[in-house]
Amino acid sequence: MARDVVQEIKDEIATNKIIVYMKGTKETPRCGFSAAVVQVLGEYGVPFRDVNILADEEKWVAIKKYSDWPTIPQVYIDGQFIGGCDIVREMHAKGELLPIVKKALGLP
């Protein structure tokens, strides 16, 4: 049976409140943009799932088609595509990201 990468992505997004498709892992980001997203989420001290697209070329291609977004990293919170590094940093700087994160995780 052929692998359904899009269904894998849908399942990952549905079962993780915060998920980041990135180059490398949260412990060892492999690009500055991925590291910046990890840093922002790290400041909040919240759990999130990382998916290393460098380890899965099919998923790398599929996530860009799935989101219709050409770059990595890609951040999803509570099933919704938030954006990439620049959007995450901008939302963080404006104080717009933390309320979304808290709501997704059921935090006050």
C-alpha atoms as a PDB file:
ATOM      1  CA  MET A   1       0.000   0.000   0.000  1.00  0.00           C
ATOM      2  CA  ALA A   2       1.321   3.424  -0.944  1.00  0.00           C
ATOM      3  CA  ARG A   3       2.143   5.926   1.741  1.00  0.00           C
ATOM      4  CA  ASP A   4      -0.420   8.734   2.117  1.00  0.00           C
ATOM      5  CA  VAL A   5       1.826  11.593   3.225  1.00  0.00           C
ATOM      6  CA  VAL A   6      -0.960  14.170   3.125  1.00  0.00           C
ATOM      7  CA  GLN A   7      -3.040  12.042   5.494  1.00  0.00           C
ATOM      8  CA  GLU A   8      -0.021  11.733   7.806  1.00  0.00           C
ATOM      9  CA  ILE A   9       0.243  15.537   7.854  1.00  0.00           C
ATOM     10  CA  LYS A  10      -3.488  15.930   8.535  1.00  0.00           C
ATOM     11  CA  ASP A  11      -3.250  13.421  11.401  1.00  0.00           C
ATOM     12  CA  GLU A  12      -0.183  15.140  12.901  1.00  0.00           C
ATOM     13  CA  ILE A  13      -1.838  18.549  12.775  1.00  0.00           C
ATOM     14  CA  ALA A  14      -5.072  17.180  14.251  1.00  0.00           C
ATOM     15  CA  THR A  15      -3.374  15.367  17.143  1.00  0.00           C
ATOM     16  CA  ASN A  16      -0.866  18.060  18.183  1.00  0.00           C
ATOM     17  CA  LYS A  17      -1.997  21.398  19.593  1.00  0.00           C
ATOM     18  CA  ILE A  18       1.232  23.015  18.379  1.00  0.00           C
ATOM     19  CA  ILE A  19       3.323  21.491  15.623  1.00  0.00           C
ATOM     20  CA  VAL A  20       6.275  22.881  13.713  1.00  0.00           C
ATOM     21  CA  TYR A  21       7.466  21.450  10.415  1.00  0.00           C
ATOM     22  CA  MET A  22      11.098  22.483  10.452  1.00  0.00           C
ATOM     23  CA  LYS A  23      14.626  21.800   9.315  1.00  0.00           C
ATOM     24  CA  GLY A  24      16.149  19.762  12.111  1.00  0.00           C
ATOM     25  CA  THR A  25      14.618  19.248  15.527  1.00  0.00           C
ATOM     26  CA  LYS A  26      13.748  21.578  18.380  1.00  0.00           C
ATOM     27  CA  GLU A  27      16.848  20.318  20.159  1.00  0.00           C
ATOM     28  CA  THR A  28      19.037  20.815  17.078  1.00  0.00           C
ATOM     29  CA  PRO A  29      17.545  23.215  14.519  1.00  0.00           C
ATOM     30  CA  ARG A  30      19.328  23.048  11.169  1.00  0.00           C
ATOM     31  CA  CYS A  31      18.541  26.561   9.923  1.00  0.00           C
ATOM     32  CA  GLY A  32      18.236  29.999  11.448  1.00  0.00           C
ATOM     33  CA  PHE A  33      14.554  30.360  10.638  1.00  0.00           C
ATOM     34  CA  SER A  34      13.680  27.092  12.359  1.00  0.00           C
ATOM     35  CA  ALA A  35      15.861  28.099  15.321  1.00  0.00           C
ATOM     36  CA  ALA A  36      14.011  31.427  15.589  1.00  0.00           C
ATOM     37  CA  VAL A  37      10.618  29.689  15.766  1.00  0.00           C
ATOM     38  CA  VAL A  38      11.935  27.281  18.410  1.00  0.00           C
ATOM     39  CA  GLN A  39      13.250  30.263  20.381  1.00  0.00           C
ATOM     40  CA  VAL A  40       9.883  32.055  20.330  1.00  0.00           C
ATOM     41  CA  LEU A  41       7.965  28.963  21.435  1.00  0.00           C
ATOM     42  CA  GLY A  42      10.680  28.242  23.995  1.00  0.00           C
ATOM     43  CA  GLU A  43      10.093  31.643  25.563  1.00  0.00           C
ATOM     44  CA  TYR A  44       6.521  30.563  26.252  1.00  0.00           C
ATOM     45  CA  GLY A  45       7.658  27.321  27.854  1.00  0.00           C
ATOM     46  CA  VAL A  46       4.943  25.311  26.124  1.00  0.00           C
ATOM     47  CA  PRO A  47       5.169  21.838  24.650  1.00  0.00           C
ATOM     48  CA  PHE A  48       5.143  21.466  20.894  1.00  0.00           C
ATOM     49  CA  ARG A  49       5.778  18.733  18.366  1.00  0.00           C
ATOM     50  CA  ASP A  50       8.562  19.111  15.862  1.00  0.00           C
ATOM     51  CA  VAL A  51       8.731  17.327  12.526  1.00  0.00           C
ATOM     52  CA  ASN A  52      12.139  17.237  10.886  1.00  0.00           C
ATOM     53  CA  ILE A  53      11.405  17.538   7.190  1.00  0.00           C
ATOM     54  CA  LEU A  54      15.080  17.024   6.359  1.00  0.00           C
ATOM     55  CA  ALA A  55      14.600  13.406   7.419  1.00  0.00           C
ATOM     56  CA  ASP A  56      11.555  12.917   5.152  1.00  0.00           C
ATOM     57  CA  GLU A  57      11.756  14.375   1.645  1.00  0.00           C
ATOM     58  CA  GLU A  58       8.214  13.258   0.782  1.00  0.00           C
ATOM     59  CA  LYS A  59       6.853  15.169   3.755  1.00  0.00           C
ATOM     60  CA  TRP A  60       8.967  18.218   2.865  1.00  0.00           C
ATOM     61  CA  VAL A  61       7.353  18.381  -0.570  1.00  0.00           C
ATOM     62  CA  ALA A  62       3.871  17.521   0.720  1.00  0.00           C
ATOM     63  CA  ILE A  63       3.719  20.091   3.550  1.00  0.00           C
ATOM     64  CA  LYS A  64       4.486  22.934   1.147  1.00  0.00           C
ATOM     65  CA  LYS A  65       1.656  21.793  -1.131  1.00  0.00           C
ATOM     66  CA  TYR A  66      -0.678  21.145   1.806  1.00  0.00           C
ATOM     67  CA  SER A  67      -0.309  24.668   3.191  1.00  0.00           C
ATOM     68  CA  ASP A  68       0.284  26.373  -0.157  1.00  0.00           C
ATOM     69  CA  TRP A  69       3.246  28.009   1.594  1.00  0.00           C
ATOM     70  CA  PRO A  70       6.652  27.714  -0.080  1.00  0.00           C
ATOM     71  CA  THR A  71       8.991  27.918   2.905  1.00  0.00           C
ATOM     72  CA  ILE A  72       9.982  26.019   6.033  1.00  0.00           C
ATOM     73  CA  PRO A  73       9.416  26.239   8.984  1.00  0.00           C
ATOM     74  CA  GLN A  74       5.645  26.065   9.120  1.00  0.00           C
ATOM     75  CA  VAL A  75       3.739  26.480  12.374  1.00  0.00           C
ATOM     76  CA  TYR A  76       0.281  25.086  13.086  1.00  0.00           C
ATOM     77  CA  ILE A  77      -1.596  25.889  16.281  1.00  0.00           C
ATOM     78  CA  ASP A  78      -4.863  24.185  17.174  1.00  0.00           C
ATOM     79  CA  GLY A  79      -5.184  22.845  13.643  1.00  0.00           C
ATOM     80  CA  GLN A  80      -4.684  26.226  11.978  1.00  0.00           C
ATOM     81  CA  PHE A  81      -1.743  27.249   9.824  1.00  0.00           C
ATOM     82  CA  ILE A  82      -0.125  30.278  11.461  1.00  0.00           C
ATOM     83  CA  GLY A  83       2.741  30.857   9.060  1.00  0.00           C
ATOM     84  CA  GLY A  84       6.489  30.748   8.878  1.00  0.00           C
ATOM     85  CA  CYS A  85       9.303  32.350  10.799  1.00  0.00           C
ATOM     86  CA  ASP A  86       8.648  35.990   9.875  1.00  0.00           C
ATOM     87  CA  ILE A  87       4.948  35.786  10.725  1.00  0.00           C
ATOM     88  CA  VAL A  88       5.620  33.985  14.012  1.00  0.00           C
ATOM     89  CA  ARG A  89       8.245  36.566  15.022  1.00  0.00           C
ATOM     90  CA  GLU A  90       5.971  39.449  14.044  1.00  0.00           C
ATOM     91  CA  MET A  91       2.992  38.037  15.939  1.00  0.00           C
ATOM     92  CA  HIS A  92       5.230  37.407  18.945  1.00  0.00           C
ATOM     93  CA  ALA A  93       6.571  40.986  18.877  1.00  0.00           C
ATOM     94  CA  LYS A  94       3.032  42.391  18.708  1.00  0.00           C
ATOM     95  CA  GLY A  95       1.809  40.153  21.544  1.00  0.00           C
ATOM     96  CA  GLU A  96      -0.601  38.338  19.232  1.00  0.00           C
ATOM     97  CA  LEU A  97       0.902  34.850  19.338  1.00  0.00           C
ATOM     98  CA  LEU A  98       0.849  34.049  23.059  1.00  0.00           C
ATOM     99  CA  PRO A  99      -2.964  34.380  23.405  1.00  0.00           C
ATOM    100  CA  ILE A 100      -3.410  31.923  20.496  1.00  0.00           C
ATOM    101  CA  VAL A 101      -0.978  29.491  22.122  1.00  0.00           C
ATOM    102  CA  LYS A 102      -2.668  29.785  25.523  1.00  0.00           C
ATOM    103  CA  LYS A 103      -6.116  29.269  24.039  1.00  0.00           C
ATOM    104  CA  ALA A 104      -4.974  26.182  22.124  1.00  0.00           C
ATOM    105  CA  LEU A 105      -3.480  24.672  25.263  1.00  0.00           C
ATOM    106  CA  GLY A 106      -6.358  25.726  27.534  1.00  0.00           C
ATOM    107  CA  LEU A 107      -4.131  27.990  29.644  1.00  0.00           C
ATOM    108  CA  PRO A 108      -5.318  31.136  31.423  1.00  0.00           C
END
